[in-house]
C-alpha cells in the first residue's frame, strides 16, 4: 500500500500548504516559522490518523517521507524569499521602470527597507530593545547568542565564516 500511503503524505502537505498560505495572508505579521512548524505537525498527525483509520496496510513512514520532503522543500524555498537581499534586489529591478535603478534607489528600497523590517521583527520578538539612543540587545537576545555560540562550539563552526568575524 505504499502508493496510497504516499498519497496520504501528499494530501496532508497540500492541506498544510493551503492552511499556511491562507493564515499567512490573513495575519501577515505573525511569525511564519512558528506557523510552518505548528500547522505542518498538525496536518501530518491528522493525515496519519486518517491513514490508520481508513487504510488497512497504511505505512506511516511512506506518508512521512513524502510529507517531510515537500515540507522541507517549501520551508527552504520560502526562507530564501523571506530573507534574501539578492532576491529582493532582482525583484525590485524587475518591477522598476526600464528594469533599472540607481545604486541609491536599490540601497534605499531593498537593503534599508529589509534591514528595518528585520530590526522591527527582532524588537517585536523581544530579542532587541529600542530606545532614543538606538538599539540594544535584550536578555532574550543574549540568551539566543549564547545558545548559538554553544552550537557553533559543539559543531566546531567558530572559524567557518558563519559570523566568525564578529567579536565575541
Protein backbone atom coordinates (compact mmCIF):
# COMPACT_ATOMS: atom_id res chain seq x y z
CA UNK A 1 0.00 0.00 0.00
CA UNK A 2 2.98 2.32 -0.50
CA UNK A 3 1.31 4.44 -3.22
CA UNK A 4 -1.74 5.08 -1.04
CA UNK A 5 0.47 5.92 1.94
CA UNK A 6 2.47 8.35 -0.22
CA UNK A 7 -0.84 9.86 -1.31
CA UNK A 8 -1.78 10.45 2.35
CA UNK A 9 1.52 12.30 2.82
CA UNK A 10 0.90 14.39 -0.29
CA UNK A 11 -2.69 15.23 0.68
CA UNK A 12 -1.51 16.18 4.20
CA UNK A 13 1.08 18.51 2.69
CA UNK A 14 -1.41 20.14 0.32
CA UNK A 15 -3.83 20.74 3.22
CA UNK A 16 -0.96 22.20 5.25
CA UNK A 17 0.08 24.46 2.36
CA UNK A 18 -3.46 25.78 1.88
CA UNK A 19 -3.90 26.47 5.60
CA UNK A 20 -0.46 28.07 5.93
CA UNK A 21 -0.91 30.33 2.90
CA UNK A 22 -4.42 31.35 3.97
CA UNK A 23 -3.43 32.15 7.57
CA UNK A 24 -0.27 33.89 6.35
CA UNK A 25 -2.34 36.22 4.18
CA UNK A 26 -4.94 36.89 6.86
CA UNK A 27 -2.39 37.60 9.60
CA UNK A 28 0.78 38.81 7.80
CA UNK A 29 2.55 39.97 10.97
CA UNK A 30 2.65 36.56 12.65
CA UNK A 31 5.98 34.72 12.50
CA UNK A 32 5.97 32.32 9.57
CA UNK A 33 8.38 29.83 11.14
CA UNK A 34 6.02 29.15 14.03
CA UNK A 35 3.15 28.71 11.59
CA UNK A 36 5.14 26.28 9.44
CA UNK A 37 6.10 24.11 12.38
CA UNK A 38 2.70 24.18 14.08
CA UNK A 39 0.49 23.58 11.06
CA UNK A 40 2.96 21.15 9.50
CA UNK A 41 2.86 18.97 12.60
CA UNK A 42 -0.92 19.16 12.96
CA UNK A 43 -1.62 18.36 9.30
CA UNK A 44 0.77 15.41 9.27
CA UNK A 45 -0.62 13.97 12.53
CA UNK A 46 -4.21 14.30 11.28
CA UNK A 47 -3.23 12.74 7.95
CA UNK A 48 -1.52 9.84 9.72
CA UNK A 49 -4.56 9.26 11.95
CA UNK A 50 -6.83 9.27 8.90
CA UNK A 51 -4.45 6.86 7.15
CA UNK A 52 -4.51 4.44 10.07
CA UNK A 53 -8.31 4.58 10.26
CA UNK A 54 -9.07 4.31 6.54
CA UNK A 55 -6.28 2.20 5.03
CA UNK A 56 -5.55 -1.40 6.01
CA UNK A 57 -1.84 -1.51 5.12
CA UNK A 58 -1.07 2.12 5.88
CA UNK A 59 2.65 2.88 6.22
CA UNK A 60 3.35 5.90 8.34
CA UNK A 61 6.93 6.03 7.01
CA UNK A 62 5.93 6.39 3.37
CA UNK A 63 3.49 9.14 4.27
CA UNK A 64 6.05 10.85 6.50
CA UNK A 65 8.81 10.66 3.90
CA UNK A 66 6.78 12.41 1.20
CA UNK A 67 5.26 14.94 3.61
CA UNK A 68 8.66 15.76 5.12
CA UNK A 69 10.30 16.09 1.69
CA UNK A 70 7.61 18.51 0.50
CA UNK A 71 7.65 20.42 3.79
CA UNK A 72 11.43 20.89 3.80
CA UNK A 73 11.44 21.99 0.16
CA UNK A 74 8.73 24.56 0.92
CA UNK A 75 10.49 25.65 4.11
CA UNK A 76 13.80 26.32 2.37
CA UNK A 77 12.29 27.96 -0.70
CA UNK A 78 10.07 30.25 1.40
CA UNK A 79 13.08 31.05 3.59
CA UNK A 80 15.07 32.13 0.55
CA UNK A 81 12.37 34.57 -0.50
CA UNK A 82 11.85 35.79 3.05
CA UNK A 83 15.47 36.70 3.85
CA UNK A 84 17.39 37.03 0.61
CA UNK A 85 18.54 40.56 -0.16
CA UNK A 86 19.64 39.40 -3.61
CA UNK A 87 16.17 38.10 -4.47
CA UNK A 88 14.70 41.38 -3.22
CA UNK A 89 17.05 43.40 -5.45
CA UNK A 90 16.27 41.31 -8.53
CA UNK A 91 12.54 41.53 -7.83
CA UNK A 92 12.79 45.31 -7.31
CA UNK A 93 14.71 45.82 -10.55
CA UNK A 94 12.31 43.62 -12.49
CA UNK A 95 9.33 45.75 -11.40
CA UNK A 96 11.09 49.12 -11.69
CA UNK A 97 10.58 51.30 -14.82
CA UNK A 98 13.08 50.34 -17.55
CA UNK A 99 14.12 47.46 -15.27
CA UNK A 100 16.98 49.52 -13.86
CA UNK A 101 17.63 51.80 -10.90
CA UNK A 102 20.45 53.79 -9.36
CA UNK A 103 22.51 52.26 -6.57
CA UNK A 104 20.90 54.71 -4.14
CA UNK A 105 17.40 53.56 -5.12
CA UNK A 106 18.37 49.91 -4.78
CA UNK A 107 20.02 50.58 -1.43
CA UNK A 108 17.04 52.51 -0.01
CA UNK A 109 14.30 50.24 -1.36
CA UNK A 110 15.94 46.87 -0.79
CA UNK A 111 18.72 46.94 1.76
CA UNK A 112 17.47 49.65 4.15
CA UNK A 113 13.85 48.52 3.99
CA UNK A 114 14.74 44.86 4.60
CA UNK A 115 17.15 45.78 7.39
CA UNK A 116 14.48 47.95 9.04
CA UNK A 117 11.94 45.14 8.75
CA UNK A 118 14.42 42.70 10.29
CA UNK A 119 15.16 45.05 13.22
CA UNK A 120 11.43 45.65 13.75
CA UNK A 121 10.85 41.89 13.81
CA UNK A 122 13.63 41.42 16.39
CA UNK A 123 12.10 44.17 18.55
CA UNK A 124 8.65 42.53 18.30
CA UNK A 125 10.24 39.17 19.13
CA UNK A 126 11.91 40.58 22.22
CA UNK A 127 15.47 39.92 21.03
CA UNK A 128 16.35 43.61 20.70
CA UNK A 129 15.09 46.65 22.58
CA UNK A 130 14.83 50.18 21.22
CA UNK A 131 15.44 53.47 22.96
CA UNK A 132 16.04 57.04 21.82
CA UNK A 133 19.79 56.39 21.71
CA UNK A 134 19.43 53.33 19.47
CA UNK A 135 19.03 49.58 19.70
CA UNK A 136 20.42 47.24 22.31
CA UNK A 137 20.27 43.51 22.88
CA UNK A 138 17.71 42.22 25.37
CA UNK A 139 18.09 39.41 27.90
CA UNK A 140 16.32 37.05 25.46
CA UNK A 141 18.67 38.19 22.68
CA UNK A 142 21.74 37.47 24.85
CA UNK A 143 20.31 34.05 25.65
CA UNK A 144 19.93 33.40 21.90
CA UNK A 145 23.52 34.48 21.23
CA UNK A 146 24.81 32.20 24.00
CA UNK A 147 22.85 29.28 22.52
CA UNK A 148 24.26 30.00 19.02
CA UNK A 149 27.80 30.23 20.41
CA UNK A 150 27.36 26.88 22.16
CA UNK A 151 26.09 25.24 18.97
CA UNK A 152 29.00 26.72 16.99
CA UNK A 153 31.44 25.44 19.60
CA UNK A 154 29.92 21.94 19.69
CA UNK A 155 29.85 21.70 15.87
CA UNK A 156 33.28 23.38 15.57
CA UNK A 157 31.95 26.19 13.39
CA UNK A 158 33.81 29.07 15.07
CA UNK A 159 36.08 29.81 12.08
CA UNK A 160 33.94 28.74 9.14
CA UNK A 161 32.78 32.18 8.11
CA UNK A 162 29.33 31.92 9.71
CA UNK A 163 29.58 35.20 11.62
CA UNK A 164 33.05 34.17 12.81
CA UNK A 165 34.43 37.65 12.14
CA UNK A 166 32.12 39.14 14.78
CA UNK A 167 33.95 39.61 18.08
CA UNK A 168 32.53 37.62 20.98
